[in-house]
């Protein structure tokens, strides 16, 4: 992919790829091609949206290591796109919970959030995502200056809480949540390694491929 800014066709393909799981879910809802949601459709819809939101969030965190590994700037150009798609899936995940699971029963929703730890963690992660999504534009980045970087570092805490929420939600077969936890551990480990290298570089000169 030449240049710093991806071609419009690459952006379009990225949007299409991110939308495909949602299209698949809509086909299931319409029972196209024999696809069916099963006896608990609201649970399938809720979990499907949540899992894809978490997957896209982890993919968003992959862009910085990919930039370092390739030495090319183009992965960073997809970071915002992936992050907003992750937010969209997670917003739909919570809307499904509010509307289909709890029928907008506010006292019951508050009870879930305050008394069921896995929901507390998931809801906290989503609340932390709101300011990141709201300030994702270049205009907000210019307006906030260095504070924008500090604010958007919340994505690491959000990812930790998201994986934790998924782990507690599953309860029995935790193999898939553990895979996500392992991926996140590698991504966070890379960032810690890069931070340590930068710190060392300040004392002994810049690292050869420091971004």
N, C-alpha and C. Protein backbone atom coordinates (compact mmCIF):
# COMPACT_ATOMS: atom_id res chain seq x y z
N UNK A 1 0.86 -1.19 0.00
CA UNK A 1 0.00 0.00 0.00
C UNK A 1 0.89 1.23 0.00
N UNK A 2 1.03 1.92 -1.13
CA UNK A 2 1.95 3.04 -1.22
C UNK A 2 1.42 4.26 -0.48
N UNK A 3 2.37 5.10 -0.02
CA UNK A 3 1.99 6.36 0.59
C UNK A 3 1.53 6.22 2.03
N UNK A 4 1.32 7.35 2.65
CA UNK A 4 0.92 7.35 4.05
C UNK A 4 -0.58 7.18 4.22
N UNK A 5 -1.37 7.65 3.26
CA UNK A 5 -2.82 7.56 3.38
C UNK A 5 -3.33 6.46 2.47
N UNK A 6 -4.08 5.50 3.00
CA UNK A 6 -4.57 4.40 2.18
C UNK A 6 -5.48 4.91 1.08
N UNK A 7 -5.47 4.25 -0.06
CA UNK A 7 -6.38 4.59 -1.13
C UNK A 7 -7.81 4.40 -0.67
N UNK A 8 -8.73 5.15 -1.32
CA UNK A 8 -10.13 5.06 -0.95
C UNK A 8 -10.64 3.64 -1.08
N UNK A 9 -10.12 2.89 -2.06
CA UNK A 9 -10.58 1.51 -2.24
C UNK A 9 -10.23 0.65 -1.04
N UNK A 10 -9.06 0.88 -0.43
CA UNK A 10 -8.69 0.12 0.76
C UNK A 10 -9.57 0.48 1.94
N UNK A 11 -9.91 1.75 2.07
CA UNK A 11 -10.82 2.15 3.14
C UNK A 11 -12.19 1.53 2.94
N UNK A 12 -12.65 1.54 1.71
CA UNK A 12 -13.95 0.95 1.41
C UNK A 12 -13.96 -0.54 1.73
N UNK A 13 -12.89 -1.23 1.35
CA UNK A 13 -12.79 -2.66 1.66
C UNK A 13 -12.77 -2.91 3.16
N UNK A 14 -12.10 -2.03 3.90
CA UNK A 14 -12.06 -2.18 5.36
C UNK A 14 -13.45 -1.99 5.95
N UNK A 15 -14.20 -1.01 5.46
CA UNK A 15 -15.57 -0.80 5.94
C UNK A 15 -16.45 -2.02 5.61
N UNK A 16 -16.30 -2.54 4.41
CA UNK A 16 -17.10 -3.71 4.01
C UNK A 16 -16.77 -4.91 4.90
N UNK A 17 -15.46 -5.13 5.14
CA UNK A 17 -15.05 -6.25 5.98
C UNK A 17 -15.61 -6.11 7.39
N UNK A 18 -15.60 -4.90 7.93
CA UNK A 18 -16.13 -4.69 9.28
C UNK A 18 -17.65 -4.86 9.33
N UNK A 19 -18.31 -4.57 8.23
CA UNK A 19 -19.77 -4.67 8.19
C UNK A 19 -20.27 -6.08 7.94
N UNK A 20 -19.41 -6.96 7.43
CA UNK A 20 -19.85 -8.31 7.05
C UNK A 20 -20.49 -9.09 8.21
N UNK A 21 -19.91 -9.08 9.43
CA UNK A 21 -20.58 -9.80 10.52
C UNK A 21 -21.99 -9.27 10.79
N UNK A 22 -22.18 -7.97 10.68
CA UNK A 22 -23.51 -7.39 10.89
C UNK A 22 -24.47 -7.84 9.80
N UNK A 23 -23.97 -7.89 8.57
CA UNK A 23 -24.80 -8.37 7.46
C UNK A 23 -25.20 -9.83 7.69
N UNK A 24 -24.25 -10.63 8.13
CA UNK A 24 -24.53 -12.04 8.43
C UNK A 24 -25.61 -12.16 9.50
N UNK A 25 -25.52 -11.33 10.54
CA UNK A 25 -26.52 -11.35 11.60
C UNK A 25 -27.90 -10.97 11.06
N UNK A 26 -27.94 -9.96 10.20
CA UNK A 26 -29.22 -9.54 9.61
C UNK A 26 -29.81 -10.65 8.75
N UNK A 27 -28.95 -11.39 8.05
CA UNK A 27 -29.44 -12.52 7.26
C UNK A 27 -30.01 -13.61 8.16
N UNK A 28 -29.37 -13.80 9.32
CA UNK A 28 -29.92 -14.76 10.28
C UNK A 28 -31.29 -14.31 10.78
N UNK A 29 -31.42 -13.02 11.04
CA UNK A 29 -32.70 -12.49 11.50
C UNK A 29 -33.79 -12.70 10.45
N UNK A 30 -33.40 -12.57 9.19
CA UNK A 30 -34.36 -12.75 8.10
C UNK A 30 -34.51 -14.21 7.69
N UNK A 31 -33.70 -15.10 8.32
CA UNK A 31 -33.69 -16.53 8.01
C UNK A 31 -33.44 -16.79 6.53
N UNK A 32 -32.51 -16.01 5.97
CA UNK A 32 -32.12 -16.18 4.57
C UNK A 32 -31.19 -17.37 4.45
N UNK A 33 -31.41 -18.22 3.47
CA UNK A 33 -30.55 -19.37 3.24
C UNK A 33 -30.60 -20.39 4.34
N UNK A 34 -31.70 -20.43 5.09
CA UNK A 34 -31.83 -21.43 6.16
C UNK A 34 -31.15 -21.05 7.45
N UNK A 35 -30.59 -19.83 7.54
CA UNK A 35 -29.93 -19.40 8.77
C UNK A 35 -30.98 -19.12 9.84
N UNK A 36 -30.74 -19.61 11.05
CA UNK A 36 -31.69 -19.41 12.14
C UNK A 36 -30.95 -19.01 13.41
N UNK A 37 -31.64 -18.29 14.26
CA UNK A 37 -31.04 -17.80 15.50
C UNK A 37 -31.18 -18.76 16.67
N UNK A 38 -32.02 -19.76 16.57
CA UNK A 38 -32.17 -20.72 17.65
C UNK A 38 -33.22 -20.30 18.65
N UNK A 39 -33.32 -21.02 19.79
CA UNK A 39 -34.40 -20.78 20.75
C UNK A 39 -34.25 -19.51 21.57
N UNK A 40 -33.03 -18.96 21.70
CA UNK A 40 -32.81 -17.73 22.47
C UNK A 40 -32.17 -16.67 21.58
N UNK A 41 -32.94 -16.10 20.65
CA UNK A 41 -32.35 -15.18 19.68
C UNK A 41 -31.73 -13.95 20.32
N UNK A 42 -32.33 -13.42 21.39
CA UNK A 42 -31.79 -12.21 22.00
C UNK A 42 -30.41 -12.45 22.59
N UNK A 43 -30.18 -13.64 23.13
CA UNK A 43 -28.86 -13.95 23.67
C UNK A 43 -27.83 -14.11 22.57
N UNK A 44 -28.23 -14.75 21.48
CA UNK A 44 -27.30 -14.93 20.36
C UNK A 44 -26.93 -13.57 19.77
N UNK A 45 -27.94 -12.72 19.57
CA UNK A 45 -27.68 -11.39 19.00
C UNK A 45 -26.75 -10.61 19.92
N UNK A 46 -27.06 -10.59 21.21
CA UNK A 46 -26.26 -9.84 22.18
C UNK A 46 -24.82 -10.32 22.20
N UNK A 47 -24.63 -11.63 22.30
CA UNK A 47 -23.27 -12.17 22.40
C UNK A 47 -22.51 -12.02 21.08
N UNK A 48 -23.20 -12.19 19.96
CA UNK A 48 -22.56 -12.04 18.64
C UNK A 48 -22.01 -10.63 18.49
N UNK A 49 -22.82 -9.63 18.81
CA UNK A 49 -22.39 -8.24 18.68
C UNK A 49 -21.25 -7.92 19.64
N UNK A 50 -21.35 -8.43 20.87
CA UNK A 50 -20.30 -8.16 21.84
C UNK A 50 -18.97 -8.78 21.45
N UNK A 51 -19.01 -10.01 20.96
CA UNK A 51 -17.76 -10.68 20.57
C UNK A 51 -17.10 -9.97 19.40
N UNK A 52 -17.89 -9.54 18.42
CA UNK A 52 -17.30 -8.84 17.28
C UNK A 52 -16.78 -7.46 17.69
N UNK A 53 -17.45 -6.83 18.64
CA UNK A 53 -16.93 -5.57 19.14
C UNK A 53 -15.57 -5.75 19.79
N UNK A 54 -15.42 -6.82 20.57
CA UNK A 54 -14.14 -7.09 21.23
C UNK A 54 -13.08 -7.47 20.22
N UNK A 55 -13.44 -8.27 19.23
CA UNK A 55 -12.47 -8.66 18.19
C UNK A 55 -11.95 -7.44 17.45
N UNK A 56 -12.84 -6.53 17.09
CA UNK A 56 -12.40 -5.33 16.37
C UNK A 56 -11.59 -4.41 17.26
N UNK A 57 -11.90 -4.40 18.56
CA UNK A 57 -11.10 -3.61 19.49
C UNK A 57 -9.67 -4.13 19.56
N UNK A 58 -9.52 -5.45 19.63
CA UNK A 58 -8.18 -6.04 19.65
C UNK A 58 -7.47 -5.81 18.32
N UNK A 59 -8.22 -5.87 17.22
CA UNK A 59 -7.63 -5.59 15.91
C UNK A 59 -7.15 -4.14 15.84
N UNK A 60 -7.90 -3.23 16.45
CA UNK A 60 -7.48 -1.84 16.51
C UNK A 60 -6.13 -1.71 17.21
N UNK A 61 -5.97 -2.45 18.31
CA UNK A 61 -4.70 -2.40 19.05
C UNK A 61 -3.56 -3.06 18.30
N UNK A 62 -3.89 -3.87 17.29
CA UNK A 62 -2.85 -4.52 16.49
C UNK A 62 -2.18 -3.55 15.51
N UNK A 63 -2.80 -2.42 15.24
CA UNK A 63 -2.30 -1.53 14.18
C UNK A 63 -0.93 -0.93 14.53
N UNK A 64 -0.73 -0.55 15.79
CA UNK A 64 0.57 0.03 16.16
C UNK A 64 1.70 -0.99 16.06
N UNK A 65 1.55 -2.22 16.60
CA UNK A 65 2.60 -3.23 16.39
C UNK A 65 2.83 -3.55 14.91
N UNK A 66 1.74 -3.55 14.13
CA UNK A 66 1.89 -3.84 12.70
C UNK A 66 2.69 -2.74 12.02
N UNK A 67 2.48 -1.52 12.44
CA UNK A 67 3.25 -0.40 11.89
C UNK A 67 4.74 -0.57 12.22
N UNK A 68 5.03 -0.99 13.46
CA UNK A 68 6.42 -1.19 13.87
C UNK A 68 7.06 -2.35 13.13
N UNK A 69 6.30 -3.43 12.92
CA UNK A 69 6.84 -4.61 12.26
C UNK A 69 7.09 -4.38 10.78
N UNK A 70 6.19 -3.62 10.13
CA UNK A 70 6.32 -3.40 8.69
C UNK A 70 7.18 -2.19 8.36
N UNK A 71 7.31 -1.28 9.34
CA UNK A 71 8.03 -0.04 9.06
C UNK A 71 7.26 0.90 8.16
N UNK A 72 5.98 0.61 7.96
CA UNK A 72 5.11 1.43 7.11
C UNK A 72 4.07 2.15 7.96
N UNK A 73 3.68 3.36 7.56
CA UNK A 73 2.72 4.11 8.38
C UNK A 73 1.26 3.75 8.13
N UNK A 74 0.98 3.00 7.05
CA UNK A 74 -0.43 2.81 6.66
C UNK A 74 -1.30 2.11 7.71
N UNK A 75 -0.79 1.18 8.56
CA UNK A 75 -1.71 0.57 9.53
C UNK A 75 -2.36 1.57 10.47
N UNK A 76 -1.64 2.65 10.80
CA UNK A 76 -2.21 3.64 11.71
C UNK A 76 -3.39 4.37 11.10
N UNK A 77 -3.45 4.39 9.75
CA UNK A 77 -4.56 5.07 9.09
C UNK A 77 -5.87 4.31 9.24
N UNK A 78 -5.79 3.04 9.62
CA UNK A 78 -7.00 2.23 9.80
C UNK A 78 -7.43 2.15 11.27
N UNK A 79 -6.63 2.70 12.16
CA UNK A 79 -6.89 2.54 13.59
C UNK A 79 -8.22 3.19 14.00
N UNK A 80 -8.46 4.40 13.53
CA UNK A 80 -9.71 5.08 13.88
C UNK A 80 -10.91 4.36 13.30
N UNK A 81 -10.80 3.92 12.05
CA UNK A 81 -11.89 3.21 11.39
C UNK A 81 -12.28 1.96 12.18
N UNK A 82 -11.28 1.18 12.55
CA UNK A 82 -11.55 -0.06 13.29
C UNK A 82 -12.11 0.24 14.68
N UNK A 83 -11.57 1.28 15.32
CA UNK A 83 -12.05 1.63 16.65
C UNK A 83 -13.51 2.06 16.64
N UNK A 84 -13.92 2.81 15.62
CA UNK A 84 -15.31 3.25 15.53
C UNK A 84 -16.24 2.09 15.21
N UNK A 85 -15.79 1.16 14.40
CA UNK A 85 -16.60 -0.04 14.13
C UNK A 85 -16.74 -0.88 15.40
N UNK A 86 -15.66 -0.98 16.17
CA UNK A 86 -15.74 -1.69 17.45
C UNK A 86 -16.77 -1.04 18.35
N UNK A 87 -16.73 0.29 18.43
CA UNK A 87 -17.69 1.01 19.25
C UNK A 87 -19.12 0.77 18.76
N UNK A 88 -19.30 0.75 17.45
CA UNK A 88 -20.64 0.53 16.89
C UNK A 88 -21.19 -0.84 17.30
N UNK A 89 -20.36 -1.88 17.19
CA UNK A 89 -20.80 -3.22 17.58
C UNK A 89 -21.11 -3.29 19.07
N UNK A 90 -20.28 -2.66 19.88
CA UNK A 90 -20.49 -2.71 21.33
C UNK A 90 -21.70 -1.87 21.74
N UNK A 91 -21.95 -0.77 21.02
CA UNK A 91 -23.16 0.01 21.29
C UNK A 91 -24.40 -0.83 20.98
N UNK A 92 -24.39 -1.55 19.86
CA UNK A 92 -25.51 -2.42 19.51
C UNK A 92 -25.63 -3.57 20.53
N UNK A 93 -24.50 -4.04 21.03
CA UNK A 93 -24.49 -5.07 22.06
C UNK A 93 -25.28 -4.61 23.30
N UNK A 94 -25.01 -3.38 23.74
CA UNK A 94 -25.70 -2.88 24.93
C UNK A 94 -27.15 -2.49 24.63
N UNK A 95 -27.41 -1.99 23.43
CA UNK A 95 -28.79 -1.70 23.05
C UNK A 95 -29.62 -2.98 23.05
N UNK A 96 -29.03 -4.06 22.55
CA UNK A 96 -29.72 -5.36 22.57
C UNK A 96 -30.02 -5.79 24.00
N UNK A 97 -29.04 -5.61 24.87
CA UNK A 97 -29.24 -5.96 26.29
C UNK A 97 -30.36 -5.11 26.90
N UNK A 98 -30.32 -3.80 26.65
CA UNK A 98 -31.33 -2.92 27.24
C UNK A 98 -32.74 -3.22 26.70
N UNK A 99 -32.84 -3.44 25.39
CA UNK A 99 -34.16 -3.58 24.76
C UNK A 99 -34.70 -5.00 24.80
N UNK A 100 -33.88 -5.97 24.40
CA UNK A 100 -34.36 -7.34 24.27
C UNK A 100 -34.24 -8.13 25.57
N UNK A 101 -33.11 -7.98 26.25
CA UNK A 101 -32.92 -8.72 27.51
C UNK A 101 -33.76 -8.15 28.65
N UNK A 102 -33.75 -6.81 28.76
CA UNK A 102 -34.36 -6.19 29.94
C UNK A 102 -35.55 -5.29 29.61
N UNK A 103 -35.93 -5.19 28.34
CA UNK A 103 -37.13 -4.44 27.92
C UNK A 103 -37.18 -3.04 28.54
N UNK A 104 -36.01 -2.41 28.61
CA UNK A 104 -35.88 -1.06 29.17
C UNK A 104 -36.42 -0.95 30.60
N UNK A 105 -36.34 -2.04 31.33
CA UNK A 105 -36.73 -2.03 32.74
C UNK A 105 -35.59 -1.41 33.54
N UNK A 106 -35.67 -0.09 33.79
CA UNK A 106 -34.56 0.65 34.38
C UNK A 106 -34.15 0.11 35.75
N UNK A 107 -35.08 -0.15 36.67
CA UNK A 107 -34.66 -0.70 37.97
C UNK A 107 -33.91 -2.03 37.84
N UNK A 108 -34.36 -2.89 36.90
CA UNK A 108 -33.67 -4.16 36.70
C UNK A 108 -32.29 -3.96 36.10
N UNK A 109 -32.18 -3.02 35.18
CA UNK A 109 -30.89 -2.72 34.55
C UNK A 109 -29.91 -2.20 35.60
N UNK A 110 -30.36 -1.28 36.44
CA UNK A 110 -29.51 -0.74 37.50
C UNK A 110 -29.08 -1.84 38.47
N UNK A 111 -30.02 -2.74 38.79
CA UNK A 111 -29.69 -3.85 39.67
C UNK A 111 -28.62 -4.74 39.05
N UNK A 112 -28.74 -5.02 37.74
CA UNK A 112 -27.72 -5.82 37.04
C UNK A 112 -26.36 -5.15 37.11
N UNK A 113 -26.34 -3.85 36.82
CA UNK A 113 -25.07 -3.12 36.75
C UNK A 113 -24.39 -3.05 38.12
N UNK A 114 -25.17 -2.93 39.16
CA UNK A 114 -24.60 -2.75 40.50
C UNK A 114 -24.34 -4.06 41.23
N UNK A 115 -25.05 -5.13 40.84
CA UNK A 115 -24.95 -6.37 41.62
C UNK A 115 -24.38 -7.56 40.85
N UNK A 116 -24.23 -7.45 39.54
CA UNK A 116 -23.67 -8.55 38.76
C UNK A 116 -22.31 -8.09 38.22
N UNK A 117 -21.21 -8.56 38.82
CA UNK A 117 -19.89 -8.01 38.51
C UNK A 117 -19.52 -8.02 37.02
N UNK A 118 -19.88 -9.07 36.28
CA UNK A 118 -19.46 -9.11 34.88
C UNK A 118 -20.18 -8.03 34.07
N UNK A 119 -21.41 -7.69 34.48
CA UNK A 119 -22.12 -6.60 33.81
C UNK A 119 -21.54 -5.25 34.24
N UNK A 120 -21.18 -5.14 35.51
CA UNK A 120 -20.53 -3.91 36.00
C UNK A 120 -19.27 -3.61 35.20
N UNK A 121 -18.45 -4.63 34.99
CA UNK A 121 -17.20 -4.45 34.25
C UNK A 121 -17.47 -4.09 32.79
N UNK A 122 -18.39 -4.81 32.16
CA UNK A 122 -18.70 -4.54 30.77
C UNK A 122 -19.28 -3.15 30.57
N UNK A 123 -20.19 -2.75 31.46
CA UNK A 123 -20.81 -1.43 31.36
C UNK A 123 -19.76 -0.33 31.58
N UNK A 124 -18.86 -0.55 32.53
CA UNK A 124 -17.78 0.42 32.76
C UNK A 124 -16.91 0.59 31.53
N UNK A 125 -16.57 -0.53 30.88
CA UNK A 125 -15.76 -0.47 29.66
C UNK A 125 -16.47 0.33 28.58
N UNK A 126 -17.76 0.10 28.44
CA UNK A 126 -18.50 0.82 27.40
C UNK A 126 -18.59 2.31 27.71
N UNK A 127 -18.81 2.67 28.98
CA UNK A 127 -18.84 4.07 29.35
C UNK A 127 -17.51 4.76 29.07
N UNK A 128 -16.41 4.04 29.28
CA UNK A 128 -15.10 4.60 28.98
C UNK A 128 -14.88 4.79 27.49
N UNK A 129 -15.58 3.98 26.68
CA UNK A 129 -15.44 4.11 25.23
C UNK A 129 -16.14 5.35 24.69
N UNK A 130 -17.15 5.85 25.38
CA UNK A 130 -17.93 6.97 24.87
C UNK A 130 -17.08 8.21 24.59
N UNK A 131 -16.23 8.67 25.54
CA UNK A 131 -15.42 9.85 25.22
C UNK A 131 -14.39 9.59 24.13
N UNK A 132 -13.93 8.36 23.99
CA UNK A 132 -12.97 8.05 22.93
C UNK A 132 -13.64 8.16 21.57
N UNK A 133 -14.85 7.61 21.45
CA UNK A 133 -15.58 7.70 20.19
C UNK A 133 -15.94 9.15 19.87
N UNK A 134 -16.34 9.90 20.90
CA UNK A 134 -16.76 11.29 20.69
C UNK A 134 -15.60 12.19 20.27
N UNK A 135 -14.38 11.86 20.69
CA UNK A 135 -13.21 12.71 20.40
C UNK A 135 -12.28 12.08 19.38
N UNK A 136 -12.81 11.22 18.53
CA UNK A 136 -11.95 10.49 17.60
C UNK A 136 -11.57 11.29 16.36
N UNK A 137 -12.16 12.46 16.17
CA UNK A 137 -11.91 13.23 14.96
C UNK A 137 -10.60 14.02 15.07
N UNK A 138 -10.09 14.42 13.91
CA UNK A 138 -8.86 15.22 13.88
C UNK A 138 -9.06 16.56 14.57
N UNK A 139 -10.27 17.13 14.46
CA UNK A 139 -10.55 18.40 15.11
C UNK A 139 -10.42 18.31 16.62
N UNK A 140 -10.96 17.24 17.21
CA UNK A 140 -10.84 17.05 18.65
C UNK A 140 -9.39 16.81 19.04
N UNK A 141 -8.66 16.11 18.19
CA UNK A 141 -7.24 15.84 18.51
C UNK A 141 -6.47 17.15 18.57
N UNK A 142 -6.73 18.05 17.62
CA UNK A 142 -6.06 19.35 17.64
C UNK A 142 -6.49 20.17 18.85
N UNK A 143 -7.79 20.11 19.18
CA UNK A 143 -8.31 20.92 20.27
C UNK A 143 -7.78 20.46 21.63
N UNK A 144 -7.67 19.15 21.82
CA UNK A 144 -7.23 18.61 23.11
C UNK A 144 -5.71 18.59 23.24
N UNK A 145 -5.00 18.54 22.12
CA UNK A 145 -3.54 18.52 22.16
C UNK A 145 -3.02 17.28 22.86
N UNK A 146 -2.02 17.42 23.76
CA UNK A 146 -1.45 16.26 24.45
C UNK A 146 -2.47 15.50 25.29
N UNK A 147 -3.52 16.18 25.73
CA UNK A 147 -4.55 15.51 26.53
C UNK A 147 -5.28 14.44 25.72
N UNK A 148 -5.31 14.62 24.39
CA UNK A 148 -5.99 13.64 23.54
C UNK A 148 -5.29 12.28 23.64
N UNK A 149 -3.97 12.30 23.61
CA UNK A 149 -3.20 11.05 23.72
C UNK A 149 -3.46 10.39 25.06
N UNK A 150 -3.42 11.18 26.12
CA UNK A 150 -3.68 10.62 27.46
C UNK A 150 -5.07 10.02 27.55
N UNK A 151 -6.07 10.72 26.99
CA UNK A 151 -7.44 10.22 27.02
C UNK A 151 -7.57 8.91 26.28
N UNK A 152 -6.96 8.84 25.11
CA UNK A 152 -7.13 7.65 24.27
C UNK A 152 -6.30 6.46 24.73
N UNK A 153 -5.44 6.69 25.71
CA UNK A 153 -4.76 5.53 26.33
C UNK A 153 -5.73 4.71 27.17
N UNK A 154 -6.91 5.24 27.42
CA UNK A 154 -7.94 4.46 28.10
C UNK A 154 -8.31 3.20 27.33
N UNK A 155 -7.97 3.16 26.04
CA UNK A 155 -8.31 1.99 25.24
C UNK A 155 -7.68 0.72 25.81
N UNK A 156 -6.53 0.83 26.45
CA UNK A 156 -5.89 -0.34 27.04
C UNK A 156 -6.72 -0.87 28.21
N UNK A 157 -7.18 0.04 29.07
CA UNK A 157 -8.03 -0.37 30.19
C UNK A 157 -9.35 -0.94 29.67
N UNK A 158 -9.89 -0.32 28.63
CA UNK A 158 -11.15 -0.81 28.04
C UNK A 158 -10.98 -2.23 27.53
N UNK A 159 -9.87 -2.50 26.85
CA UNK A 159 -9.64 -3.85 26.33
C UNK A 159 -9.50 -4.87 27.46
N UNK A 160 -8.81 -4.48 28.53
CA UNK A 160 -8.66 -5.38 29.69
C UNK A 160 -10.03 -5.69 30.29
N UNK A 161 -10.84 -4.64 30.49
CA UNK A 161 -12.17 -4.83 31.05
C UNK A 161 -13.06 -5.65 30.12
N UNK A 162 -12.90 -5.44 28.80
CA UNK A 162 -13.70 -6.20 27.84
C UNK A 162 -13.39 -7.68 27.88
N UNK A 163 -12.12 -8.03 27.92
CA UNK A 163 -11.73 -9.43 28.01
C UNK A 163 -12.17 -10.04 29.33
N UNK A 164 -12.06 -9.28 30.39
CA UNK A 164 -12.49 -9.73 31.72
C UNK A 164 -14.00 -9.99 31.74
N UNK A 165 -14.75 -9.07 31.16
CA UNK A 165 -16.21 -9.21 31.05
C UNK A 165 -16.58 -10.48 30.29
N UNK A 166 -15.91 -10.72 29.19
CA UNK A 166 -16.20 -11.90 28.37
C UNK A 166 -15.86 -13.18 29.13
N UNK A 167 -14.74 -13.16 29.84
CA UNK A 167 -14.33 -14.33 30.62
C UNK A 167 -15.37 -14.68 31.68
N UNK A 168 -15.82 -13.68 32.42
CA UNK A 168 -16.81 -13.93 33.46
C UNK A 168 -18.18 -14.29 32.88
N UNK A 169 -18.47 -13.76 31.71
CA UNK A 169 -19.76 -14.06 31.08
C UNK A 169 -19.86 -15.53 30.68
N UNK A 170 -18.78 -16.06 30.12
CA UNK A 170 -18.79 -17.43 29.59
C UNK A 170 -18.90 -18.46 30.71
N UNK A 171 -18.15 -18.28 31.79
CA UNK A 171 -18.21 -19.11 33.00
C UNK A 171 -17.62 -20.51 32.82
N UNK A 172 -18.12 -21.32 31.88
CA UNK A 172 -17.70 -22.72 31.78
C UNK A 172 -16.58 -22.91 30.76
N UNK A 173 -16.91 -22.88 29.48
CA UNK A 173 -15.90 -23.09 28.44
C UNK A 173 -15.20 -21.76 28.17
N UNK A 174 -14.09 -21.54 28.84
CA UNK A 174 -13.42 -20.24 28.77
C UNK A 174 -12.28 -20.22 27.75
N UNK A 175 -12.23 -21.20 26.87
CA UNK A 175 -11.11 -21.25 25.92
C UNK A 175 -11.07 -20.02 25.01
N UNK A 176 -12.22 -19.63 24.46
CA UNK A 176 -12.21 -18.47 23.57
C UNK A 176 -11.84 -17.19 24.32
N UNK A 177 -12.44 -16.89 25.48
CA UNK A 177 -12.00 -15.71 26.22
C UNK A 177 -10.51 -15.72 26.56
N UNK A 178 -9.97 -16.91 26.86
CA UNK A 178 -8.54 -16.99 27.17
C UNK A 178 -7.68 -16.68 25.95
N UNK A 179 -8.16 -17.05 24.77
CA UNK A 179 -7.44 -16.69 23.54
C UNK A 179 -7.38 -15.17 23.40
N UNK A 180 -8.51 -14.51 23.63
CA UNK A 180 -8.53 -13.05 23.56
C UNK A 180 -7.62 -12.44 24.61
N UNK A 181 -7.64 -13.01 25.82
CA UNK A 181 -6.75 -12.52 26.89
C UNK A 181 -5.29 -12.68 26.50
N UNK A 182 -4.96 -13.79 25.85
CA UNK A 182 -3.57 -14.03 25.43
C UNK A 182 -3.16 -13.02 24.36
N UNK A 183 -4.06 -12.75 23.40
CA UNK A 183 -3.77 -11.77 22.36
C UNK A 183 -3.54 -10.40 22.98
N UNK A 184 -4.40 -10.04 23.92
CA UNK A 184 -4.25 -8.74 24.59
C UNK A 184 -2.95 -8.68 25.38
N UNK A 185 -2.59 -9.77 26.04
CA UNK A 185 -1.34 -9.80 26.80
C UNK A 185 -0.14 -9.55 25.89
N UNK A 186 -0.16 -10.16 24.71
CA UNK A 186 0.94 -9.94 23.75
C UNK A 186 0.98 -8.49 23.30
N UNK A 187 -0.20 -7.92 23.00
CA UNK A 187 -0.25 -6.53 22.54
C UNK A 187 0.21 -5.56 23.62
N UNK A 188 -0.20 -5.79 24.86
CA UNK A 188 0.24 -4.93 25.95
C UNK A 188 1.72 -5.14 26.25
N UNK A 189 2.16 -6.40 26.14
CA UNK A 189 3.58 -6.68 26.34
C UNK A 189 4.44 -5.96 25.31
N UNK A 190 3.98 -5.91 24.07
CA UNK A 190 4.71 -5.18 23.03
C UNK A 190 4.83 -3.71 23.39
N UNK A 191 3.75 -3.13 23.88
CA UNK A 191 3.77 -1.71 24.22
C UNK A 191 4.70 -1.44 25.40
N UNK A 192 4.71 -2.33 26.38
CA UNK A 192 5.61 -2.16 27.51
C UNK A 192 7.07 -2.27 27.05
N UNK A 193 7.32 -3.23 26.15
CA UNK A 193 8.68 -3.38 25.62
C UNK A 193 9.10 -2.14 24.85
N UNK A 194 8.17 -1.57 24.05
CA UNK A 194 8.51 -0.38 23.28
C UNK A 194 8.73 0.81 24.19
N UNK A 195 7.92 0.93 25.26
CA UNK A 195 8.09 2.02 26.21
C UNK A 195 9.44 1.92 26.91
N UNK A 196 9.81 0.70 27.30
CA UNK A 196 11.10 0.50 27.95
C UNK A 196 12.25 0.83 26.99
N UNK A 197 12.07 0.48 25.72
CA UNK A 197 13.11 0.76 24.74
C UNK A 197 13.25 2.26 24.51
N UNK A 198 12.09 2.95 24.48
CA UNK A 198 12.15 4.40 24.32
C UNK A 198 12.84 5.05 25.52
N UNK A 199 12.50 4.57 26.73
CA UNK A 199 13.13 5.11 27.93
C UNK A 199 14.63 4.90 27.90
N UNK A 200 15.05 3.70 27.46
CA UNK A 200 16.47 3.42 27.34
C UNK A 200 17.10 4.28 26.27
N UNK A 201 16.35 4.54 25.20
CA UNK A 201 16.86 5.36 24.11
C UNK A 201 17.12 6.80 24.53
N UNK A 202 16.28 7.30 25.44
CA UNK A 202 16.49 8.67 25.92
C UNK A 202 17.79 8.79 26.71
N UNK A 203 18.17 7.68 27.35
CA UNK A 203 19.39 7.71 28.16
C UNK A 203 20.63 7.43 27.33
N UNK A 204 20.47 6.61 26.27
CA UNK A 204 21.64 6.17 25.51
C UNK A 204 21.56 6.50 24.03
N UNK A 205 20.65 7.43 23.67
CA UNK A 205 20.48 7.74 22.27
C UNK A 205 19.26 7.05 21.73
N UNK A 206 18.66 7.53 20.64
CA UNK A 206 17.42 6.99 20.11
C UNK A 206 17.59 5.57 19.60
N UNK A 207 16.54 4.76 19.79
CA UNK A 207 16.56 3.40 19.25
C UNK A 207 16.53 3.46 17.75
N UNK A 208 17.14 2.48 17.06
CA UNK A 208 17.27 2.52 15.62
C UNK A 208 15.95 2.68 14.89
N UNK A 209 14.88 1.98 15.31
CA UNK A 209 13.64 2.06 14.58
C UNK A 209 12.52 2.63 15.43
N UNK A 210 12.89 3.50 16.39
CA UNK A 210 11.84 4.10 17.24
C UNK A 210 10.93 4.95 16.40
N UNK A 211 9.59 4.83 16.58
CA UNK A 211 8.66 5.61 15.76
C UNK A 211 8.71 7.09 16.12
